[in-house]
């Protein structure tokens, strides 16, 4: 009897200690002593009874969230989410994981997690967070080419939610494939929506211009591109694509003016090889062969060395992480225009923000006095390190793919350039054989003054000096050196 009484006493004492450990952690949590609470909940995971593990797991994640350790919180929320929907805090963990993911700007790990559990009671998540989850899953599906899944998900996002503008943008991209007229309406509305944010409004204007161009509504496409703010992130794309729209609507002077802006010193870091081919085509259509050859020479001088430099990098069989490090300030392995083009890519920006957030969190963990000397501090740092390495590799793989795309683009443009050069030589030969005097024809043509808006603009000839307030407003007056009756 004495031995039995002793065993019962020891078991009761151990249970009391377990309850006290979890209870003490809850007291710290309720009192706002978040670091102590987190340490207590982590310790309780190893000591508490099975019935109380769920509480310790969830409140550990909550404590880390309160400490501003978003990745640490996501890590522990995700463990609950992956574990079992029967977990008493499962829905709250899904909500917490979605919040942490948005703060981390995570558009890779979290969406893949949510895709695995979508449908498992997820409708019970708070409406705002559910809208964000569905939008992230729609983006994941769209990137994977699962367009029907993406369309189904965006239809479930309420217009009143914070995620609605992003969902509507995805809707427009989907409509481009099936109903471009409807896409025009979607992008126009989104471009005028203040709560969409400036970045999304600019993307909507670019998408609107592309959709209108595809519908052969070239004047409207040109007008859409012109609405992008000057020197904004996507302005170089708007200038180039707007020049194509101007060409198609029969306004080569406006097209060459946009290309002139694009090649100004203020935009020297932009990667725009197609723009030189377009300029060469515009000149060739008017038999301005010296300008064609000058433009071709500029393409060869600027972009063929870039291509060769990128090819050498791709052939070096570097670790994936090295491709990501090439985007760091001070790394000179990539041509400046290529590095700049990659740095402003939306996917790259999101990856950079995510990795920078991991760096900030690691620094915060090290500096948090309440975590000093604890096993939890080491565990948090041990979780961040491999996640950072994996993310850098994924980002490096993305950069590697974009470099390969840029090399292929220049290869294609070089083929076009050779065809342009051949046609130029042929045209020059015909002029010599027929003794056609191109200079005399050009001298006989008068330069006209381009039309300008009635208010807010002035006219003066370009004198070789670039001023920031002029860029984007250039127009060319184009003469035609072609013999009469020449077939285009």
Protein backbone atom coordinates (compact mmCIF):
# COMPACT_ATOMS: atom_id res chain seq x y z
CA UNK A 1 0.00 0.00 0.00
CA UNK A 2 2.81 2.41 0.81
CA UNK A 3 4.43 1.75 -2.61
CA UNK A 4 1.09 2.32 -4.38
CA UNK A 5 0.52 5.53 -2.43
CA UNK A 6 4.00 6.75 -3.37
CA UNK A 7 3.41 6.06 -7.08
CA UNK A 8 0.09 7.85 -6.99
CA UNK A 9 1.71 10.80 -5.29
CA UNK A 10 4.50 10.99 -7.89
CA UNK A 11 2.03 10.79 -10.79
CA UNK A 12 -0.16 13.46 -9.26
CA UNK A 13 2.85 15.70 -8.67
CA UNK A 14 4.01 15.30 -12.30
CA UNK A 15 0.55 16.10 -13.62
CA UNK A 16 0.38 19.14 -11.38
CA UNK A 17 3.77 20.31 -12.67
CA UNK A 18 2.57 19.89 -16.27
CA UNK A 19 -0.58 21.86 -15.56
CA UNK A 20 1.43 24.52 -13.77
CA UNK A 21 3.83 24.87 -16.74
CA UNK A 22 1.03 25.40 -19.25
CA UNK A 23 -0.92 27.54 -16.84
CA UNK A 24 2.11 29.73 -16.15
CA UNK A 25 2.63 30.18 -19.90
CA UNK A 26 -1.02 31.21 -20.28
CA UNK A 27 -0.62 33.74 -17.46
CA UNK A 28 2.41 35.22 -19.21
CA UNK A 29 0.50 35.31 -22.51
CA UNK A 30 -2.48 37.08 -20.97
CA UNK A 31 -0.19 39.56 -19.25
CA UNK A 32 1.60 40.40 -22.51
CA UNK A 33 4.90 38.79 -21.52
CA UNK A 34 5.13 37.26 -24.96
CA UNK A 35 8.73 36.01 -24.98
CA UNK A 36 8.27 34.23 -21.65
CA UNK A 37 4.96 32.85 -22.85
CA UNK A 38 6.52 31.51 -26.06
CA UNK A 39 9.29 29.78 -24.11
CA UNK A 40 6.73 28.34 -21.70
CA UNK A 41 4.49 27.02 -24.48
CA UNK A 42 7.47 25.50 -26.28
CA UNK A 43 8.54 23.76 -23.09
CA UNK A 44 4.97 22.56 -22.56
CA UNK A 45 5.07 20.76 -25.93
CA UNK A 46 7.63 18.39 -24.42
CA UNK A 47 6.06 18.02 -20.99
CA UNK A 48 2.32 18.59 -21.12
CA UNK A 49 -0.35 15.91 -21.37
CA UNK A 50 -1.63 14.85 -24.79
CA UNK A 51 -4.96 16.54 -24.21
CA UNK A 52 -3.27 19.94 -23.75
CA UNK A 53 -0.78 19.74 -26.64
CA UNK A 54 -3.15 21.48 -29.05
CA UNK A 55 -3.43 24.50 -26.76
CA UNK A 56 0.34 24.73 -26.32
CA UNK A 57 0.92 24.47 -30.11
CA UNK A 58 -1.55 27.18 -31.00
CA UNK A 59 -0.56 29.66 -28.30
CA UNK A 60 3.12 29.21 -29.11
CA UNK A 61 2.32 30.45 -32.63
CA UNK A 62 0.20 33.25 -31.17
CA UNK A 63 3.03 34.36 -28.88
CA UNK A 64 5.47 34.47 -31.78
CA UNK A 65 2.97 36.48 -33.81
CA UNK A 66 2.73 39.00 -30.97
CA UNK A 67 6.53 39.24 -30.93
CA UNK A 68 6.43 40.23 -34.59
CA UNK A 69 8.14 36.99 -35.66
CA UNK A 70 5.94 36.31 -38.69
CA UNK A 71 7.92 33.40 -40.07
CA UNK A 72 8.17 31.72 -36.69
CA UNK A 73 4.41 32.14 -36.26
CA UNK A 74 3.74 30.82 -39.78
CA UNK A 75 6.05 27.84 -39.14
CA UNK A 76 4.04 26.75 -36.11
CA UNK A 77 0.63 27.61 -37.57
CA UNK A 78 1.55 25.57 -40.64
CA UNK A 79 2.47 22.58 -38.46
CA UNK A 80 -1.08 22.62 -37.09
CA UNK A 81 -2.64 23.17 -40.53
CA UNK A 82 -0.72 20.27 -42.06
CA UNK A 83 -1.36 18.02 -39.11
CA UNK A 84 -5.10 17.43 -38.92
CA UNK A 85 -8.39 19.32 -39.43
CA UNK A 86 -9.59 17.72 -36.19
CA UNK A 87 -7.20 19.95 -34.24
CA UNK A 88 -9.38 22.18 -32.03
CA UNK A 89 -7.50 25.29 -33.18
CA UNK A 90 -7.25 24.26 -36.86
CA UNK A 91 -9.39 27.04 -38.34
CA UNK A 92 -7.68 29.64 -36.19
CA UNK A 93 -4.32 28.27 -37.32
CA UNK A 94 -5.36 28.59 -40.98
CA UNK A 95 -6.36 32.20 -40.28
CA UNK A 96 -3.07 32.88 -38.51
CA UNK A 97 -1.03 31.27 -41.29
CA UNK A 98 -2.80 33.40 -43.91
CA UNK A 99 -2.14 36.58 -41.93
CA UNK A 100 1.53 35.72 -41.43
CA UNK A 101 1.91 34.85 -45.13
CA UNK A 102 0.52 38.24 -46.17
CA UNK A 103 2.93 40.02 -43.84
CA UNK A 104 5.82 37.96 -45.23
CA UNK A 105 4.66 38.60 -48.84
CA UNK A 106 4.89 34.84 -49.32
CA UNK A 107 3.34 33.87 -52.65
CA UNK A 108 4.96 30.42 -52.89
CA UNK A 109 5.10 28.43 -49.64
CA UNK A 110 1.76 29.49 -48.13
CA UNK A 111 -0.31 29.02 -51.32
CA UNK A 112 1.10 25.51 -51.71
CA UNK A 113 0.15 24.79 -48.10
CA UNK A 114 -3.39 26.12 -48.60
CA UNK A 115 -3.80 24.16 -51.82
CA UNK A 116 -3.24 20.92 -49.92
CA UNK A 117 -5.95 21.65 -47.36
CA UNK A 118 -8.44 23.60 -49.49
CA UNK A 119 -11.91 22.21 -48.91
CA UNK A 120 -11.20 20.79 -45.45
CA UNK A 121 -13.67 22.97 -43.52
CA UNK A 122 -11.87 26.03 -44.91
CA UNK A 123 -15.16 27.84 -45.52
CA UNK A 124 -15.23 28.44 -41.79
CA UNK A 125 -12.22 30.79 -41.97
CA UNK A 126 -12.99 34.49 -41.49
CA UNK A 127 -14.30 35.95 -44.80
CA UNK A 128 -11.47 38.47 -45.30
CA UNK A 129 -8.78 35.85 -44.76
CA UNK A 130 -10.65 33.33 -46.92
CA UNK A 131 -10.74 35.85 -49.76
CA UNK A 132 -6.95 36.28 -49.50
CA UNK A 133 -6.42 32.51 -49.51
CA UNK A 134 -8.61 32.04 -52.57
CA UNK A 135 -6.84 34.84 -54.41
CA UNK A 136 -3.42 33.35 -53.65
CA UNK A 137 -4.64 29.94 -54.86
CA UNK A 138 -6.04 31.52 -58.04
CA UNK A 139 -2.66 33.14 -58.72
CA UNK A 140 -0.94 29.80 -58.14
CA UNK A 141 -3.35 28.08 -60.55
CA UNK A 142 -2.95 30.80 -63.20
CA UNK A 143 0.84 30.55 -63.10
CA UNK A 144 0.53 26.77 -63.52
CA UNK A 145 -1.79 27.14 -66.52
CA UNK A 146 -4.83 25.75 -64.68
CA UNK A 147 -7.10 28.50 -65.94
CA UNK A 148 -10.43 26.89 -65.08
CA UNK A 149 -9.35 26.45 -61.46
CA UNK A 150 -8.18 30.06 -61.34
CA UNK A 151 -11.48 31.32 -62.79
CA UNK A 152 -13.49 29.29 -60.28
CA UNK A 153 -11.51 30.67 -57.35
CA UNK A 154 -11.60 34.36 -58.32
CA UNK A 155 -15.39 34.17 -58.70
CA UNK A 156 -15.56 33.33 -54.99
CA UNK A 157 -13.71 36.49 -53.90
CA UNK A 158 -16.20 39.18 -52.74
CA UNK A 159 -15.87 42.65 -54.28
CA UNK A 160 -15.85 44.13 -50.78
CA UNK A 161 -12.71 42.25 -49.69
CA UNK A 162 -9.19 43.70 -49.62
CA UNK A 163 -8.12 40.92 -51.98
CA UNK A 164 -10.71 41.90 -54.59
CA UNK A 165 -8.48 44.17 -56.75
CA UNK A 166 -5.90 41.41 -57.18
CA UNK A 167 -8.68 38.92 -57.94
CA UNK A 168 -10.18 41.28 -60.51
CA UNK A 169 -6.81 41.68 -62.19
CA UNK A 170 -6.55 37.90 -62.47
CA UNK A 171 -10.09 37.88 -63.85
CA UNK A 172 -8.99 40.28 -66.58
CA UNK A 173 -6.00 38.11 -67.47
CA UNK A 174 -8.30 35.11 -67.77
CA UNK A 175 -10.77 37.09 -69.88
CA UNK A 176 -7.97 38.06 -72.29
CA UNK A 177 -7.96 34.43 -73.40
CA UNK A 178 -11.71 33.92 -73.73
CA UNK A 179 -13.48 37.29 -73.92
CA UNK A 180 -11.09 40.18 -74.64
CA UNK A 181 -13.91 42.72 -74.91
CA UNK A 182 -14.89 41.87 -71.35
CA UNK A 183 -11.22 42.08 -70.33
CA UNK A 184 -11.17 45.66 -71.64
CA UNK A 185 -14.02 46.55 -69.28
CA UNK A 186 -12.33 44.80 -66.36
CA UNK A 187 -8.95 46.49 -66.82
CA UNK A 188 -10.49 49.93 -67.42
CA UNK A 189 -12.49 49.70 -64.20
CA UNK A 190 -9.49 48.45 -62.23
CA UNK A 191 -7.17 51.15 -63.59
CA UNK A 192 -9.60 53.75 -62.19
CA UNK A 193 -10.07 52.03 -58.82
CA UNK A 194 -8.24 54.00 -56.09
CA UNK A 195 -8.08 51.13 -53.62
CA UNK A 196 -6.29 48.95 -56.18
CA UNK A 197 -2.99 50.68 -55.38
CA UNK A 198 -0.68 52.40 -57.84
CA UNK A 199 1.25 49.27 -58.83
CA UNK A 200 -1.85 47.28 -59.72
CA UNK A 201 -3.39 50.24 -61.56
CA UNK A 202 -0.25 50.54 -63.69
CA UNK A 203 -0.31 46.83 -64.49
CA UNK A 204 -3.97 47.18 -65.41
CA UNK A 205 -3.16 49.97 -67.87
CA UNK A 206 -0.45 47.83 -69.47
CA UNK A 207 -2.88 44.91 -69.71
CA UNK A 208 -5.56 47.23 -71.13
CA UNK A 209 -3.17 48.46 -73.82
CA UNK A 210 -2.22 44.90 -74.76
CA UNK A 211 -5.83 43.77 -74.92
CA UNK A 212 -6.85 46.71 -77.11
CA UNK A 213 -3.85 46.12 -79.37
CA UNK A 214 -4.89 42.48 -79.76
CA UNK A 215 -8.34 43.71 -80.79
CA UNK A 216 -6.72 46.00 -83.42
CA UNK A 217 -8.03 49.07 -81.60
CA UNK A 218 -4.70 50.82 -81.96
CA UNK A 219 -5.63 54.43 -81.10
CA UNK A 220 -7.24 53.28 -77.85
CA UNK A 221 -4.25 51.06 -77.09
CA UNK A 222 -1.88 54.01 -77.58
CA UNK A 223 -4.03 56.16 -75.29
CA UNK A 224 -4.00 53.47 -72.59
CA UNK A 225 -0.20 53.21 -72.64
CA UNK A 226 0.12 57.01 -72.43
CA UNK A 227 -1.75 57.01 -69.13
CA UNK A 228 1.10 55.32 -67.29
CA UNK A 229 2.97 57.79 -65.05
CA UNK A 230 6.26 58.96 -66.51
CA UNK A 231 9.32 57.24 -65.01
CA UNK A 232 7.12 54.70 -63.23
CA UNK A 233 8.17 51.09 -62.91
CA UNK A 234 6.53 49.92 -66.14
CA UNK A 235 6.91 53.10 -68.19
CA UNK A 236 9.58 51.59 -70.45
CA UNK A 237 7.13 48.84 -71.43
CA UNK A 238 4.43 51.43 -72.09
CA UNK A 239 6.76 53.47 -74.32
CA UNK A 240 7.80 50.47 -76.40
CA UNK A 241 4.38 48.86 -76.74
CA UNK A 242 2.79 52.27 -77.29
CA UNK A 243 5.22 52.83 -80.16
CA UNK A 244 3.96 49.65 -81.82
CA UNK A 245 0.37 50.88 -81.40
CA UNK A 246 1.33 54.23 -82.94
CA UNK A 247 2.91 52.48 -85.90
CA UNK A 248 -0.21 50.39 -86.46
CA UNK A 249 -2.47 53.43 -86.30
CA UNK A 250 -0.36 55.15 -88.95
CA UNK A 251 1.58 57.61 -86.79
CA UNK A 252 5.30 56.78 -87.26
CA UNK A 253 6.32 60.19 -85.87
CA UNK A 254 4.72 59.40 -82.52
CA UNK A 255 6.26 55.91 -82.56
CA UNK A 256 9.78 57.22 -83.17
CA UNK A 257 9.23 59.88 -80.51
CA UNK A 258 8.46 57.22 -77.91
CA UNK A 259 11.52 55.23 -78.95
CA UNK A 260 13.62 58.42 -78.72
CA UNK A 261 12.46 58.80 -75.10
CA UNK A 262 13.19 55.15 -74.41
CA UNK A 263 16.79 55.57 -75.60
CA UNK A 264 17.41 58.76 -73.62
CA UNK A 265 20.14 58.85 -70.94
CA UNK A 266 17.46 58.92 -68.24
CA UNK A 267 16.34 55.42 -69.25
CA UNK A 268 19.75 54.02 -70.13
CA UNK A 269 19.38 51.11 -67.68
CA UNK A 270 16.30 49.67 -69.41
CA UNK A 271 16.59 46.36 -71.29
CA UNK A 272 14.76 47.15 -74.54
CA UNK A 273 16.39 45.31 -77.47
CA UNK A 274 13.09 45.06 -79.39
CA UNK A 275 12.89 48.85 -79.55
CA UNK A 276 15.93 49.07 -81.83
CA UNK A 277 14.47 46.52 -84.22
CA UNK A 278 11.23 48.48 -84.31
CA UNK A 279 13.12 51.72 -85.03
CA UNK A 280 15.04 49.97 -87.85
CA UNK A 281 11.78 48.74 -89.38
CA UNK A 282 10.27 52.24 -89.22
CA UNK A 283 13.28 53.69 -91.02
CA UNK A 284 13.40 50.89 -93.58
CA UNK A 285 9.76 51.39 -94.51
CA UNK A 286 10.77 54.90 -95.63
CA UNK A 287 14.04 53.86 -97.30
CA UNK A 288 16.06 55.81 -94.75
CA UNK A 289 18.91 53.35 -95.06
CA UNK A 290 21.66 55.29 -93.24
CA UNK A 291 19.39 55.46 -90.17
CA UNK A 292 18.63 51.74 -90.53
CA UNK A 293 22.33 50.88 -90.50
CA UNK A 294 23.00 53.20 -87.57
CA UNK A 295 20.23 51.54 -85.57
CA UNK A 296 21.42 48.03 -86.46
CA UNK A 297 24.94 48.97 -85.39
CA UNK A 298 23.58 50.23 -82.06
CA UNK A 299 21.80 46.89 -81.53
CA UNK A 300 25.01 44.98 -82.25
CA UNK A 301 27.05 47.26 -80.03
CA UNK A 302 24.72 47.19 -77.03
CA UNK A 303 22.90 43.86 -77.00
CA UNK A 304 25.14 41.22 -78.58
CA UNK A 305 27.78 41.63 -75.82
CA UNK A 306 24.97 41.40 -73.23
CA UNK A 307 23.77 38.16 -74.81
CA UNK A 308 27.26 36.68 -74.88
CA UNK A 309 27.81 37.63 -71.23
CA UNK A 310 24.53 35.98 -70.21
CA UNK A 311 25.33 32.87 -72.25
CA UNK A 312 28.68 32.52 -70.48
CA UNK A 313 26.95 32.71 -67.12
CA UNK A 314 24.33 30.13 -68.09
CA UNK A 315 27.00 27.78 -69.42
CA UNK A 316 29.05 28.01 -66.20
CA UNK A 317 26.72 25.56 -64.38
CA UNK A 318 26.58 27.71 -61.24
CA UNK A 319 24.66 26.80 -58.07
CA UNK A 320 21.16 28.23 -58.17
CA UNK A 321 21.83 30.53 -55.24
CA UNK A 322 24.51 32.29 -57.27
CA UNK A 323 21.96 33.49 -59.80
CA UNK A 324 20.07 35.18 -56.99
CA UNK A 325 23.21 36.80 -55.59
CA UNK A 326 23.87 38.34 -59.01
CA UNK A 327 21.01 40.75 -58.31
CA UNK A 328 22.73 42.12 -55.20
CA UNK A 329 23.99 45.69 -55.23
CA UNK A 330 27.65 45.75 -56.20
CA UNK A 331 27.58 42.41 -58.05
CA UNK A 332 28.85 43.14 -61.57
CA UNK A 333 28.50 39.72 -63.18
CA UNK A 334 25.38 40.78 -65.08
CA UNK A 335 25.14 43.74 -67.48
CA UNK A 336 23.50 46.69 -65.65
CA UNK A 337 20.46 46.71 -67.97
CA UNK A 338 19.89 42.98 -67.41
CA UNK A 339 20.28 43.31 -63.66
CA UNK A 340 17.87 46.25 -63.61
CA UNK A 341 15.31 44.38 -65.72
CA UNK A 342 15.36 41.44 -63.32
CA UNK A 343 15.32 43.59 -60.18
CA UNK A 344 12.07 45.29 -61.18
CA UNK A 345 10.30 42.03 -62.08
CA UNK A 346 7.24 41.58 -59.82
CA UNK A 347 8.13 38.00 -58.92
CA UNK A 348 11.70 38.97 -58.12
CA UNK A 349 10.49 41.88 -55.97
CA UNK A 350 8.24 39.54 -53.99
CA UNK A 351 11.07 37.03 -53.51
CA UNK A 352 13.43 39.80 -52.42
CA UNK A 353 10.89 41.13 -49.92
CA UNK A 354 10.40 37.61 -48.51
CA UNK A 355 14.12 36.98 -48.11
CA UNK A 356 14.67 40.39 -46.56
CA UNK A 357 11.87 39.66 -44.11
CA UNK A 358 13.61 36.42 -43.12
CA UNK A 359 16.85 38.36 -42.54
CA UNK A 360 15.05 40.93 -40.40
CA UNK A 361 13.35 38.20 -38.40
CA UNK A 362 16.63 36.38 -37.74
CA UNK A 363 18.13 39.66 -36.48
CA UNK A 364 15.07 40.26 -34.30
CA UNK A 365 15.31 36.77 -32.78
CA UNK A 366 18.96 37.31 -31.94
CA UNK A 367 18.23 40.71 -30.42
CA UNK A 368 15.14 39.72 -28.40
CA UNK A 369 16.29 39.76 -24.76
CA UNK A 370 13.41 37.58 -23.61
CA UNK A 371 14.61 34.72 -25.82
CA UNK A 372 18.27 34.91 -24.78
CA UNK A 373 19.72 31.55 -23.77
CA UNK A 374 16.54 29.63 -24.62
CA UNK A 375 16.23 26.52 -26.78
CA UNK A 376 13.38 28.27 -28.59
CA UNK A 377 15.75 30.95 -29.87
CA UNK A 378 17.97 28.30 -31.45
CA UNK A 379 14.97 26.48 -32.91
CA UNK A 380 13.65 29.66 -34.52
CA UNK A 381 17.02 30.44 -36.09
CA UNK A 382 17.36 26.82 -37.22
CA UNK A 383 13.99 27.08 -38.98
CA UNK A 384 14.83 30.37 -40.72
CA UNK A 385 18.21 29.26 -42.12
CA UNK A 386 17.03 26.37 -44.35
CA UNK A 387 13.96 28.35 -45.43
CA UNK A 388 16.20 31.19 -46.54
CA UNK A 389 18.49 28.82 -48.42
CA UNK A 390 15.57 27.08 -50.14
CA UNK A 391 13.97 30.40 -51.06
CA UNK A 392 17.25 31.71 -52.48
CA UNK A 393 17.51 28.58 -54.63
CA UNK A 394 13.94 28.98 -55.90
CA UNK A 395 14.61 32.64 -56.64
CA UNK A 396 17.87 31.70 -58.36
CA UNK A 397 16.06 29.18 -60.54
CA UNK A 398 13.58 31.88 -61.55
CA UNK A 399 16.42 34.28 -62.41
CA UNK A 400 18.16 31.54 -64.39
CA UNK A 401 14.99 31.01 -66.41
CA UNK A 402 14.59 34.70 -67.13
CA UNK A 403 18.22 34.97 -68.27
CA UNK A 404 17.63 32.11 -70.70
CA UNK A 405 14.53 33.92 -71.99
CA UNK A 406 16.52 37.13 -72.53
CA UNK A 407 19.22 35.24 -74.44
CA UNK A 408 16.57 33.65 -76.68
CA UNK A 409 14.97 37.04 -77.30
CA UNK A 410 18.23 38.58 -78.47
CA UNK A 411 18.91 35.54 -80.67
CA UNK A 412 15.51 35.99 -82.33
CA UNK A 413 16.05 39.72 -82.75
CA UNK A 414 19.47 39.10 -84.27
CA UNK A 415 17.79 36.92 -86.88
CA UNK A 416 15.33 39.73 -87.59
CA UNK A 417 18.21 42.20 -87.72
CA UNK A 418 19.96 40.09 -90.37
CA UNK A 419 16.80 40.12 -92.49
CA UNK A 420 16.52 43.90 -92.07
CA UNK A 421 20.17 44.28 -93.08
CA UNK A 422 19.60 42.12 -96.17
CA UNK A 423 16.56 44.17 -97.23
CA UNK A 424 18.53 47.36 -96.63
CA UNK A 425 21.39 46.19 -98.86
CA UNK A 426 18.85 45.17 -101.50
CA UNK A 427 17.17 48.59 -101.38
CA UNK A 428 20.48 50.43 -101.60
CA UNK A 429 21.46 48.30 -104.59
CA UNK A 430 18.20 49.08 -106.37
CA UNK A 431 18.71 52.80 -105.81
CA UNK A 432 22.20 52.60 -107.29
CA UNK A 433 21.06 50.53 -110.26
CA UNK A 434 18.23 52.95 -111.07
CA UNK A 435 20.36 56.01 -110.23
CA UNK A 436 17.64 57.18 -107.88
CA UNK A 437 18.67 60.31 -105.99
CA UNK A 438 17.34 59.77 -102.47
CA UNK A 439 19.00 62.95 -101.18
CA UNK A 440 17.21 65.04 -103.78
CA UNK A 441 13.88 63.47 -102.88
CA UNK A 442 14.42 64.17 -99.20
CA UNK A 443 15.45 67.75 -99.95
CA UNK A 444 12.23 68.27 -101.90
CA UNK A 445 10.08 67.31 -98.92
CA UNK A 446 9.15 69.82 -96.26
CA UNK A 447 9.30 69.13 -92.56
CA UNK A 448 5.98 69.79 -90.90
CA UNK A 449 5.36 70.87 -87.36
CA UNK A 450 3.63 68.13 -85.38
CA UNK A 451 0.22 68.91 -83.96
CA UNK A 452 0.28 69.75 -80.26
CA UNK A 453 -2.53 69.90 -77.68
CA UNK A 454 -4.14 73.35 -77.39
CA UNK A 455 -3.21 73.79 -73.72
CA UNK A 456 -0.33 72.92 -71.44
CA UNK A 457 2.26 72.20 -74.15
CA UNK A 458 4.89 74.17 -76.04
CA UNK A 459 6.87 73.31 -79.18
CA UNK A 460 10.61 73.54 -79.73
CA UNK A 461 13.03 71.49 -81.82
CA UNK A 462 15.23 68.88 -80.15
CA UNK A 463 18.81 70.20 -79.99
CA UNK A 464 20.56 67.09 -78.70
CA UNK A 465 20.14 67.87 -75.00
CA UNK A 466 17.72 65.82 -72.88
CA UNK A 467 15.62 67.43 -70.17
CA UNK A 468 13.55 65.27 -67.80
CA UNK A 469 10.35 67.26 -68.40
CA UNK A 470 10.64 66.65 -72.16
CA UNK A 471 11.06 62.88 -72.03
CA UNK A 472 7.93 61.11 -73.14
CA UNK A 473 6.73 64.03 -75.27
CA UNK A 474 9.02 63.74 -78.29
CA UNK A 475 7.59 63.45 -81.79
CA UNK A 476 9.41 62.95 -85.08
CA UNK A 477 8.64 64.44 -88.46
CA UNK A 478 9.51 61.62 -90.86
CA UNK A 479 10.49 62.08 -94.50
CA UNK A 480 10.27 59.30 -97.10
CA UNK A 481 13.24 58.47 -99.35
CA UNK A 482 11.51 55.66 -101.22
CA UNK A 483 11.01 55.92 -105.01
CA UNK A 484 7.44 56.49 -106.11
CA UNK A 485 5.53 53.27 -106.62
CA UNK A 486 7.88 51.18 -104.45
CA UNK A 487 6.18 48.11 -102.98
CA UNK A 488 6.37 48.05 -99.18
